[in-house]
Amino acid sequence: MEAPPLVVHAGVGVHGINTAREVFLLPDLWQLHLYGYHAGYAVDGVDYQIRPGTVSLVPPATTVEYRYRGRSEHLFMHFRMPGRRDPLVRDAGDALPVLRELMRDAVASLPQSPTRSAALVWAALWRVSDLAESSAVWRHPAVEVVVRHIEEHLAEPLVVAELARKAGVSHNHLTRLFREQVGDTVVGHIAARRMARALHLLRASTLTAAAIAAAVGIPDLQAFNKACRKTFGASPRALRGATR
């Protein structure tokens, strides 16, 4: 998904009125569906049960079969996109409201602004990709809560005990989960994320070193210089000069 898809058609599909079973494939187009009903579903002969909130992503030239239980409506996107992946059928979970909004906006935008529609479908595809990744590499909810909080609050003081309370686990349990699932300590992860953001700001902005230090939660300029030398082997000035 290195470039936006080319959306060929999008809309709300209404099925199950005249027939209880449909079998088809799209030779050249991907299919993204978000379902609002219960039905039987098969992808290349593999059976699934879909229900409200299920999302499916199917590559071109893949046979799909629906077994409806009456009138059935779903949001759909048909698009061209390079690459190939296995079909994906998942419950959208917490991503459902965002996915639904993105896909509805994509449908409404397509007639007047295909470019906007493609951008919305692209955003939806990244959300679906996140579902695929989370199913392949599952992380404890407490880790997800802490990782997200760290990303959103790098400029603020971050204390492991407070992060553990926010995630609803003990300090020791959070430390163990982080080592197992992130491969680092909580403190080490915070330091790494702060320095990654600092490096980006040094190279991509004209903010002063003091401002960047404050933006990543290191208010002491001397400490920031020391952290840069330890992490990157160079001072903030040298790191910035390397891009000029």
C-alpha atoms as a PDB file:
ATOM      1  CA  MET A   1       0.000   0.000   0.000  1.00  0.00           C
ATOM      2  CA  GLU A   2       2.708   2.443  -0.953  1.00  0.00           C
ATOM      3  CA  ALA A   3       0.316   4.496  -3.100  1.00  0.00           C
ATOM      4  CA  PRO A   4      -3.424   5.272  -2.988  1.00  0.00           C
ATOM      5  CA  PRO A   5      -5.732   2.780  -4.704  1.00  0.00           C
ATOM      6  CA  LEU A   6      -7.637   3.655  -7.878  1.00  0.00           C
ATOM      7  CA  VAL A   7     -11.270   3.440  -6.810  1.00  0.00           C
ATOM      8  CA  VAL A   8     -13.436   2.168  -9.662  1.00  0.00           C
ATOM      9  CA  HIS A   9     -16.740   1.895  -7.852  1.00  0.00           C
ATOM     10  CA  ALA A  10     -18.070   2.280  -4.308  1.00  0.00           C
ATOM     11  CA  GLY A  11     -21.473   2.247  -2.734  1.00  0.00           C
ATOM     12  CA  VAL A  12     -23.998   0.467  -0.545  1.00  0.00           C
ATOM     13  CA  GLY A  13     -24.778  -2.998  -1.861  1.00  0.00           C
ATOM     14  CA  VAL A  14     -28.277  -4.392  -1.273  1.00  0.00           C
ATOM     15  CA  HIS A  15     -28.570  -8.167  -1.636  1.00  0.00           C
ATOM     16  CA  GLY A  16     -30.619 -11.158  -0.566  1.00  0.00           C
ATOM     17  CA  ILE A  17     -33.889  -9.880  -1.997  1.00  0.00           C
ATOM     18  CA  ASN A  18     -34.261 -11.993  -5.134  1.00  0.00           C
ATOM     19  CA  THR A  19     -31.745 -14.719  -4.354  1.00  0.00           C
ATOM     20  CA  ALA A  20     -30.319 -16.270  -1.212  1.00  0.00           C
ATOM     21  CA  ARG A  21     -26.990 -17.223  -2.817  1.00  0.00           C
ATOM     22  CA  GLU A  22     -24.482 -15.372  -4.991  1.00  0.00           C
ATOM     23  CA  VAL A  23     -21.144 -16.540  -6.360  1.00  0.00           C
ATOM     24  CA  PHE A  24     -18.822 -14.214  -8.282  1.00  0.00           C
ATOM     25  CA  LEU A  25     -15.314 -12.862  -8.703  1.00  0.00           C
ATOM     26  CA  LEU A  26     -13.803  -9.611  -9.940  1.00  0.00           C
ATOM     27  CA  PRO A  27     -10.957 -10.493 -12.325  1.00  0.00           C
ATOM     28  CA  ASP A  28      -8.993  -7.238 -11.961  1.00  0.00           C
ATOM     29  CA  LEU A  29     -10.330  -5.492  -8.858  1.00  0.00           C
ATOM     30  CA  TRP A  30      -9.855  -5.706  -5.110  1.00  0.00           C
ATOM     31  CA  GLN A  31     -12.951  -5.801  -2.898  1.00  0.00           C
ATOM     32  CA  LEU A  32     -13.297  -4.123   0.488  1.00  0.00           C
ATOM     33  CA  HIS A  33     -16.592  -4.760   2.307  1.00  0.00           C
ATOM     34  CA  LEU A  34     -18.002  -3.704   5.668  1.00  0.00           C
ATOM     35  CA  TYR A  35     -21.055  -5.759   6.614  1.00  0.00           C
ATOM     36  CA  GLY A  36     -24.221  -4.869   8.467  1.00  0.00           C
ATOM     37  CA  TYR A  37     -25.858  -8.314   8.556  1.00  0.00           C
ATOM     38  CA  HIS A  38     -25.447 -12.006   9.362  1.00  0.00           C
ATOM     39  CA  ALA A  39     -24.681 -14.376   6.480  1.00  0.00           C
ATOM     40  CA  GLY A  40     -22.620 -17.318   5.347  1.00  0.00           C
ATOM     41  CA  TYR A  41     -19.552 -16.373   3.332  1.00  0.00           C
ATOM     42  CA  ALA A  42     -16.851 -18.309   1.522  1.00  0.00           C
ATOM     43  CA  VAL A  43     -13.601 -17.107  -0.069  1.00  0.00           C
ATOM     44  CA  ASP A  44     -12.007 -19.567  -2.500  1.00  0.00           C
ATOM     45  CA  GLY A  45     -13.906 -22.337  -0.743  1.00  0.00           C
ATOM     46  CA  VAL A  46     -12.958 -21.323   2.818  1.00  0.00           C
ATOM     47  CA  ASP A  47     -16.090 -20.765   4.912  1.00  0.00           C
ATOM     48  CA  TYR A  48     -16.687 -17.841   7.274  1.00  0.00           C
ATOM     49  CA  GLN A  49     -19.646 -16.419   9.147  1.00  0.00           C
ATOM     50  CA  ILE A  50     -20.073 -12.696   8.734  1.00  0.00           C
ATOM     51  CA  ARG A  51     -22.038 -10.497  11.105  1.00  0.00           C
ATOM     52  CA  PRO A  52     -22.559  -6.768  11.635  1.00  0.00           C
ATOM     53  CA  GLY A  53     -19.099  -5.243  12.000  1.00  0.00           C
ATOM     54  CA  THR A  54     -17.215  -7.829   9.934  1.00  0.00           C
ATOM     55  CA  VAL A  55     -14.811  -6.453   7.329  1.00  0.00           C
ATOM     56  CA  SER A  56     -13.389  -8.366   4.364  1.00  0.00           C
ATOM     57  CA  LEU A  57     -10.562  -7.557   1.962  1.00  0.00           C
ATOM     58  CA  VAL A  58     -10.342  -9.816  -1.088  1.00  0.00           C
ATOM     59  CA  PRO A  59      -7.727  -9.658  -3.875  1.00  0.00           C
ATOM     60  CA  PRO A  60      -8.595  -9.812  -7.591  1.00  0.00           C
ATOM     61  CA  ALA A  61      -9.582 -13.099  -9.262  1.00  0.00           C
ATOM     62  CA  THR A  62     -10.820 -14.594  -5.994  1.00  0.00           C
ATOM     63  CA  THR A  63     -14.134 -16.451  -5.932  1.00  0.00           C
ATOM     64  CA  VAL A  64     -16.544 -15.339  -3.197  1.00  0.00           C
ATOM     65  CA  GLU A  65     -19.864 -16.870  -2.214  1.00  0.00           C
ATOM     66  CA  TYR A  66     -22.617 -15.266  -0.136  1.00  0.00           C
ATOM     67  CA  ARG A  67     -25.477 -17.128   1.550  1.00  0.00           C
ATOM     68  CA  TYR A  68     -27.933 -14.453   2.628  1.00  0.00           C
ATOM     69  CA  ARG A  69     -30.651 -14.590   5.280  1.00  0.00           C
ATOM     70  CA  GLY A  70     -32.914 -11.972   3.787  1.00  0.00           C
ATOM     71  CA  ARG A  71     -32.305  -8.360   2.799  1.00  0.00           C
ATOM     72  CA  SER A  72     -28.615  -7.603   3.380  1.00  0.00           C
ATOM     73  CA  GLU A  73     -26.751  -4.293   3.042  1.00  0.00           C
ATOM     74  CA  HIS A  74     -23.012  -3.629   3.067  1.00  0.00           C
ATOM     75  CA  LEU A  75     -20.586  -0.863   2.199  1.00  0.00           C
ATOM     76  CA  PHE A  76     -18.288  -1.865  -0.647  1.00  0.00           C
ATOM     77  CA  MET A  77     -15.234  -0.516  -2.464  1.00  0.00           C
ATOM     78  CA  HIS A  78     -13.914  -1.955  -5.744  1.00  0.00           C
ATOM     79  CA  PHE A  79     -10.449  -0.694  -6.618  1.00  0.00           C
ATOM     80  CA  ARG A  80      -7.174  -1.347  -8.376  1.00  0.00           C
ATOM     81  CA  MET A  81      -4.015  -1.643  -6.322  1.00  0.00           C
ATOM     82  CA  PRO A  82      -0.637  -3.270  -7.009  1.00  0.00           C
ATOM     83  CA  GLY A  83       0.526  -6.233  -4.998  1.00  0.00           C
ATOM     84  CA  ARG A  84      -1.184  -9.284  -3.596  1.00  0.00           C
ATOM     85  CA  ARG A  85      -2.134 -10.630  -0.185  1.00  0.00           C
ATOM     86  CA  ASP A  86      -4.239 -13.446   1.201  1.00  0.00           C
ATOM     87  CA  PRO A  87      -7.944 -12.708   1.710  1.00  0.00           C
ATOM     88  CA  LEU A  88      -8.779 -11.172   5.076  1.00  0.00           C
ATOM     89  CA  VAL A  89     -12.045 -11.594   6.998  1.00  0.00           C
ATOM     90  CA  ARG A  90     -12.057 -10.060  10.486  1.00  0.00           C
ATOM     91  CA  ASP A  91     -14.277  -8.432  13.070  1.00  0.00           C
ATOM     92  CA  ALA A  92     -13.520  -4.706  12.885  1.00  0.00           C
ATOM     93  CA  GLY A  93     -13.731  -4.392  16.671  1.00  0.00           C
ATOM     94  CA  ASP A  94     -12.835  -0.937  18.002  1.00  0.00           C
ATOM     95  CA  ALA A  95     -11.942   0.190  14.467  1.00  0.00           C
ATOM     96  CA  LEU A  96     -15.564  -0.156  13.309  1.00  0.00           C
ATOM     97  CA  PRO A  97     -16.723   3.472  13.813  1.00  0.00           C
ATOM     98  CA  VAL A  98     -13.683   4.876  12.008  1.00  0.00           C
ATOM     99  CA  LEU A  99     -13.900   2.334   9.177  1.00  0.00           C
ATOM    100  CA  ARG A 100     -17.599   2.984   8.706  1.00  0.00           C
ATOM    101  CA  GLU A 101     -17.069   6.749   8.566  1.00  0.00           C
ATOM    102  CA  LEU A 102     -14.147   6.493   6.131  1.00  0.00           C
ATOM    103  CA  MET A 103     -16.036   4.194   3.789  1.00  0.00           C
ATOM    104  CA  ARG A 104     -19.233   6.256   3.896  1.00  0.00           C
ATOM    105  CA  ASP A 105     -17.248   9.379   3.071  1.00  0.00           C
ATOM    106  CA  ALA A 106     -15.495   7.536   0.239  1.00  0.00           C
ATOM    107  CA  VAL A 107     -18.843   6.565  -1.270  1.00  0.00           C
ATOM    108  CA  ALA A 108     -20.172  10.118  -1.043  1.00  0.00           C
ATOM    109  CA  SER A 109     -16.960  11.652  -2.433  1.00  0.00           C
ATOM    110  CA  LEU A 110     -16.433   9.395  -5.438  1.00  0.00           C
ATOM    111  CA  PRO A 111     -18.730  11.130  -7.985  1.00  0.00           C
ATOM    112  CA  GLN A 112     -17.298  14.643  -7.471  1.00  0.00           C
ATOM    113  CA  SER A 113     -13.816  13.927  -6.130  1.00  0.00           C
ATOM    114  CA  PRO A 114     -12.274  10.544  -7.013  1.00  0.00           C
ATOM    115  CA  THR A 115      -8.966  11.687  -5.519  1.00  0.00           C
ATOM    116  CA  ARG A 116     -10.563  12.358  -2.126  1.00  0.00           C
ATOM    117  CA  SER A 117     -12.404   9.055  -2.328  1.00  0.00           C
ATOM    118  CA  ALA A 118      -9.143   7.220  -3.045  1.00  0.00           C
ATOM    119  CA  ALA A 119      -7.482   8.895  -0.056  1.00  0.00           C
ATOM    120  CA  LEU A 120     -10.336   7.794   2.203  1.00  0.00           C
ATOM    121  CA  VAL A 121     -10.219   4.219   0.927  1.00  0.00           C
ATOM    122  CA  TRP A 122      -6.451   4.245   1.418  1.00  0.00           C
ATOM    123  CA  ALA A 123      -6.919   5.321   5.034  1.00  0.00           C
ATOM    124  CA  ALA A 124      -9.497   2.560   5.499  1.00  0.00           C
ATOM    125  CA  LEU A 125      -7.081   0.018   4.039  1.00  0.00           C
ATOM    126  CA  TRP A 126      -4.426   1.006   6.567  1.00  0.00           C
ATOM    127  CA  ARG A 127      -6.969   0.446   9.336  1.00  0.00           C
ATOM    128  CA  VAL A 128      -7.734  -2.995   7.898  1.00  0.00           C
ATOM    129  CA  SER A 129      -3.996  -3.683   7.664  1.00  0.00           C
ATOM    130  CA  ASP A 130      -3.737  -2.893  11.382  1.00  0.00           C
ATOM    131  CA  LEU A 131      -6.416  -5.532  12.039  1.00  0.00           C
ATOM    132  CA  ALA A 132      -4.372  -8.073  10.092  1.00  0.00           C
ATOM    133  CA  GLU A 133      -1.210  -7.194  12.005  1.00  0.00           C
ATOM    134  CA  SER A 134      -2.929  -7.332  15.380  1.00  0.00           C
ATOM    135  CA  SER A 135      -4.263 -10.794  14.562  1.00  0.00           C
ATOM    136  CA  ALA A 136      -0.795 -11.997  13.580  1.00  0.00           C
ATOM    137  CA  VAL A 137       1.170 -10.337  16.410  1.00  0.00           C
ATOM    138  CA  TRP A 138      -1.147  -9.903  19.375  1.00  0.00           C
ATOM    139  CA  ARG A 139      -0.142  -7.483  22.087  1.00  0.00           C
ATOM    140  CA  HIS A 140      -1.601  -7.267  25.547  1.00  0.00           C
ATOM    141  CA  PRO A 141      -4.163  -4.428  25.882  1.00  0.00           C
ATOM    142  CA  ALA A 142      -2.083  -2.877  28.660  1.00  0.00           C
ATOM    143  CA  VAL A 143       0.888  -2.614  26.298  1.00  0.00           C
ATOM    144  CA  GLU A 144      -1.287  -0.991  23.637  1.00  0.00           C
ATOM    145  CA  VAL A 145      -2.606   1.557  26.144  1.00  0.00           C
ATOM    146  CA  VAL A 146       0.885   2.470  27.334  1.00  0.00           C
ATOM    147  CA  VAL A 147       2.449   2.613  23.865  1.00  0.00           C
ATOM    148  CA  ARG A 148      -0.303   4.934  22.667  1.00  0.00           C
ATOM    149  CA  HIS A 149      -0.041   7.128  25.759  1.00  0.00           C
ATOM    150  CA  ILE A 150       3.712   7.432  25.305  1.00  0.00           C
ATOM    151  CA  GLU A 151       3.337   8.509  21.661  1.00  0.00           C
ATOM    152  CA  GLU A 152       0.760  11.139  22.589  1.00  0.00           C
ATOM    153  CA  HIS A 153       2.611  12.525  25.621  1.00  0.00           C
ATOM    154  CA  LEU A 154       6.321  12.450  24.802  1.00  0.00           C
ATOM    155  CA  ALA A 155       6.699  16.081  25.871  1.00  0.00           C
ATOM    156  CA  GLU A 156       5.406  15.304  29.365  1.00  0.00           C
ATOM    157  CA  PRO A 157       6.999  13.508  32.321  1.00  0.00           C
ATOM    158  CA  LEU A 158       6.411   9.761  31.933  1.00  0.00           C
ATOM    159  CA  VAL A 159       6.697   7.584  35.044  1.00  0.00           C
ATOM    160  CA  VAL A 160       6.439   3.810  34.742  1.00  0.00           C
ATOM    161  CA  ALA A 161       4.335   3.418  37.884  1.00  0.00           C
ATOM    162  CA  GLU A 162       1.811   5.970  36.609  1.00  0.00           C
ATOM    163  CA  LEU A 163       1.713   4.305  33.182  1.00  0.00           C
ATOM    164  CA  ALA A 164       1.040   0.966  34.853  1.00  0.00           C
ATOM    165  CA  ARG A 165      -1.856   2.453  36.845  1.00  0.00           C
ATOM    166  CA  LYS A 166      -3.281   3.955  33.658  1.00  0.00           C
ATOM    167  CA  ALA A 167      -3.137   0.530  31.996  1.00  0.00           C
ATOM    168  CA  GLY A 168      -4.635  -1.232  35.019  1.00  0.00           C
ATOM    169  CA  VAL A 169      -1.670  -3.501  35.764  1.00  0.00           C
ATOM    170  CA  SER A 170       1.138  -3.587  38.303  1.00  0.00           C
ATOM    171  CA  HIS A 171       4.534  -1.995  37.705  1.00  0.00           C
ATOM    172  CA  ASN A 172       6.202  -5.428  37.576  1.00  0.00           C
ATOM    173  CA  HIS A 173       3.584  -6.885  35.244  1.00  0.00           C
ATOM    174  CA  LEU A 174       3.916  -3.981  32.812  1.00  0.00           C
ATOM    175  CA  THR A 175       7.703  -4.315  32.870  1.00  0.00           C
ATOM    176  CA  ARG A 176       7.459  -8.027  32.055  1.00  0.00           C
ATOM    177  CA  LEU A 177       4.891  -7.473  29.287  1.00  0.00           C
ATOM    178  CA  PHE A 178       7.064  -4.798  27.691  1.00  0.00           C
ATOM    179  CA  ARG A 179      10.140  -7.010  27.671  1.00  0.00           C
ATOM    180  CA  GLU A 180       8.154  -9.870  26.132  1.00  0.00           C
ATOM    181  CA  GLN A 181       6.139  -7.952  23.551  1.00  0.00           C
ATOM    182  CA  VAL A 182       8.122  -4.800  22.749  1.00  0.00           C
ATOM    183  CA  GLY A 183      11.614  -6.156  23.330  1.00  0.00           C
ATOM    184  CA  ASP A 184      12.653  -3.283  25.576  1.00  0.00           C
ATOM    185  CA  THR A 185      12.017  -1.832  28.999  1.00  0.00           C
ATOM    186  CA  VAL A 186       9.371   0.865  29.358  1.00  0.00           C
ATOM    187  CA  VAL A 187      12.082   3.422  30.141  1.00  0.00           C
ATOM    188  CA  GLY A 188      14.148   2.280  27.169  1.00  0.00           C
ATOM    189  CA  HIS A 189      11.152   2.508  24.843  1.00  0.00           C
ATOM    190  CA  ILE A 190      10.349   6.027  26.028  1.00  0.00           C
ATOM    191  CA  ALA A 191      13.953   7.117  25.482  1.00  0.00           C
ATOM    192  CA  ALA A 192      14.039   5.565  22.006  1.00  0.00           C
ATOM    193  CA  ARG A 193      10.794   7.229  20.934  1.00  0.00           C
ATOM    194  CA  ARG A 194      11.926  10.601  22.292  1.00  0.00           C
ATOM    195  CA  MET A 195      15.188  10.459  20.405  1.00  0.00           C
ATOM    196  CA  ALA A 196      13.527   9.279  17.189  1.00  0.00           C
ATOM    197  CA  ARG A 197      11.211  12.290  17.309  1.00  0.00           C
ATOM    198  CA  ALA A 198      14.087  14.602  18.218  1.00  0.00           C
ATOM    199  CA  LEU A 199      16.107  13.403  15.228  1.00  0.00           C
ATOM    200  CA  HIS A 200      13.162  14.023  12.925  1.00  0.00           C
ATOM    201  CA  LEU A 201      12.690  17.562  14.253  1.00  0.00           C
ATOM    202  CA  LEU A 202      16.397  18.322  13.998  1.00  0.00           C
ATOM    203  CA  ARG A 203      16.474  17.271  10.367  1.00  0.00           C
ATOM    204  CA  ALA A 204      13.059  18.438   9.193  1.00  0.00           C
ATOM    205  CA  SER A 205      12.415  21.663  11.115  1.00  0.00           C
ATOM    206  CA  THR A 206      14.050  24.936  12.055  1.00  0.00           C
ATOM    207  CA  LEU A 207      13.122  24.638  15.740  1.00  0.00           C
ATOM    208  CA  THR A 208      15.946  25.426  18.115  1.00  0.00           C
ATOM    209  CA  ALA A 209      17.613  22.577  19.959  1.00  0.00           C
ATOM    210  CA  ALA A 210      16.070  23.866  23.191  1.00  0.00           C
ATOM    211  CA  ALA A 211      12.584  23.824  21.680  1.00  0.00           C
ATOM    212  CA  ILE A 212      13.094  20.307  20.330  1.00  0.00           C
ATOM    213  CA  ALA A 213      14.365  19.111  23.677  1.00  0.00           C
ATOM    214  CA  ALA A 214      11.251  20.477  25.367  1.00  0.00           C
ATOM    215  CA  ALA A 215       9.017  18.963  22.671  1.00  0.00           C
ATOM    216  CA  VAL A 216      10.315  15.485  23.450  1.00  0.00           C
ATOM    217  CA  GLY A 217      10.237  15.802  27.212  1.00  0.00           C
ATOM    218  CA  ILE A 218      13.890  16.712  27.858  1.00  0.00           C
ATOM    219  CA  PRO A 219      13.731  20.291  29.176  1.00  0.00           C
ATOM    220  CA  ASP A 220      17.425  20.402  30.117  1.00  0.00           C
ATOM    221  CA  LEU A 221      19.508  21.316  27.026  1.00  0.00           C
ATOM    222  CA  GLN A 222      22.612  19.763  28.528  1.00  0.00           C
ATOM    223  CA  ALA A 223      20.753  16.480  29.030  1.00  0.00           C
ATOM    224  CA  PHE A 224      19.490  16.681  25.448  1.00  0.00           C
ATOM    225  CA  ASN A 225      23.026  17.125  24.111  1.00  0.00           C
ATOM    226  CA  LYS A 226      24.175  14.166  26.177  1.00  0.00           C
ATOM    227  CA  ALA A 227      21.259  12.000  24.953  1.00  0.00           C
ATOM    228  CA  CYS A 228      22.004  12.853  21.305  1.00  0.00           C
ATOM    229  CA  ARG A 229      25.664  11.949  21.689  1.00  0.00           C
ATOM    230  CA  LYS A 230      24.785   8.693  23.448  1.00  0.00           C
ATOM    231  CA  THR A 231      22.125   7.674  20.903  1.00  0.00           C
ATOM    232  CA  PHE A 232      23.527   9.012  17.628  1.00  0.00           C
ATOM    233  CA  GLY A 233      27.180   9.655  18.397  1.00  0.00           C
ATOM    234  CA  ALA A 234      26.890  13.354  17.530  1.00  0.00           C
ATOM    235  CA  SER A 235      25.679  16.654  18.952  1.00  0.00           C
ATOM    236  CA  PRO A 236      22.330  18.173  17.936  1.00  0.00           C
ATOM    237  CA  ARG A 237      24.192  20.775  15.851  1.00  0.00           C
ATOM    238  CA  ALA A 238      26.127  18.080  14.006  1.00  0.00           C
ATOM    239  CA  LEU A 239      22.998  16.033  13.391  1.00  0.00           C
ATOM    240  CA  ARG A 240      21.241  19.053  11.943  1.00  0.00           C
ATOM    241  CA  GLY A 241      24.241  20.066   9.867  1.00  0.00           C
ATOM    242  CA  ALA A 242      24.464  16.579   8.328  1.00  0.00           C
ATOM    243  CA  THR A 243      21.245  17.268   6.394  1.00  0.00           C
ATOM    244  CA  ARG A 244      22.210  20.692   5.047  1.00  0.00           C
END
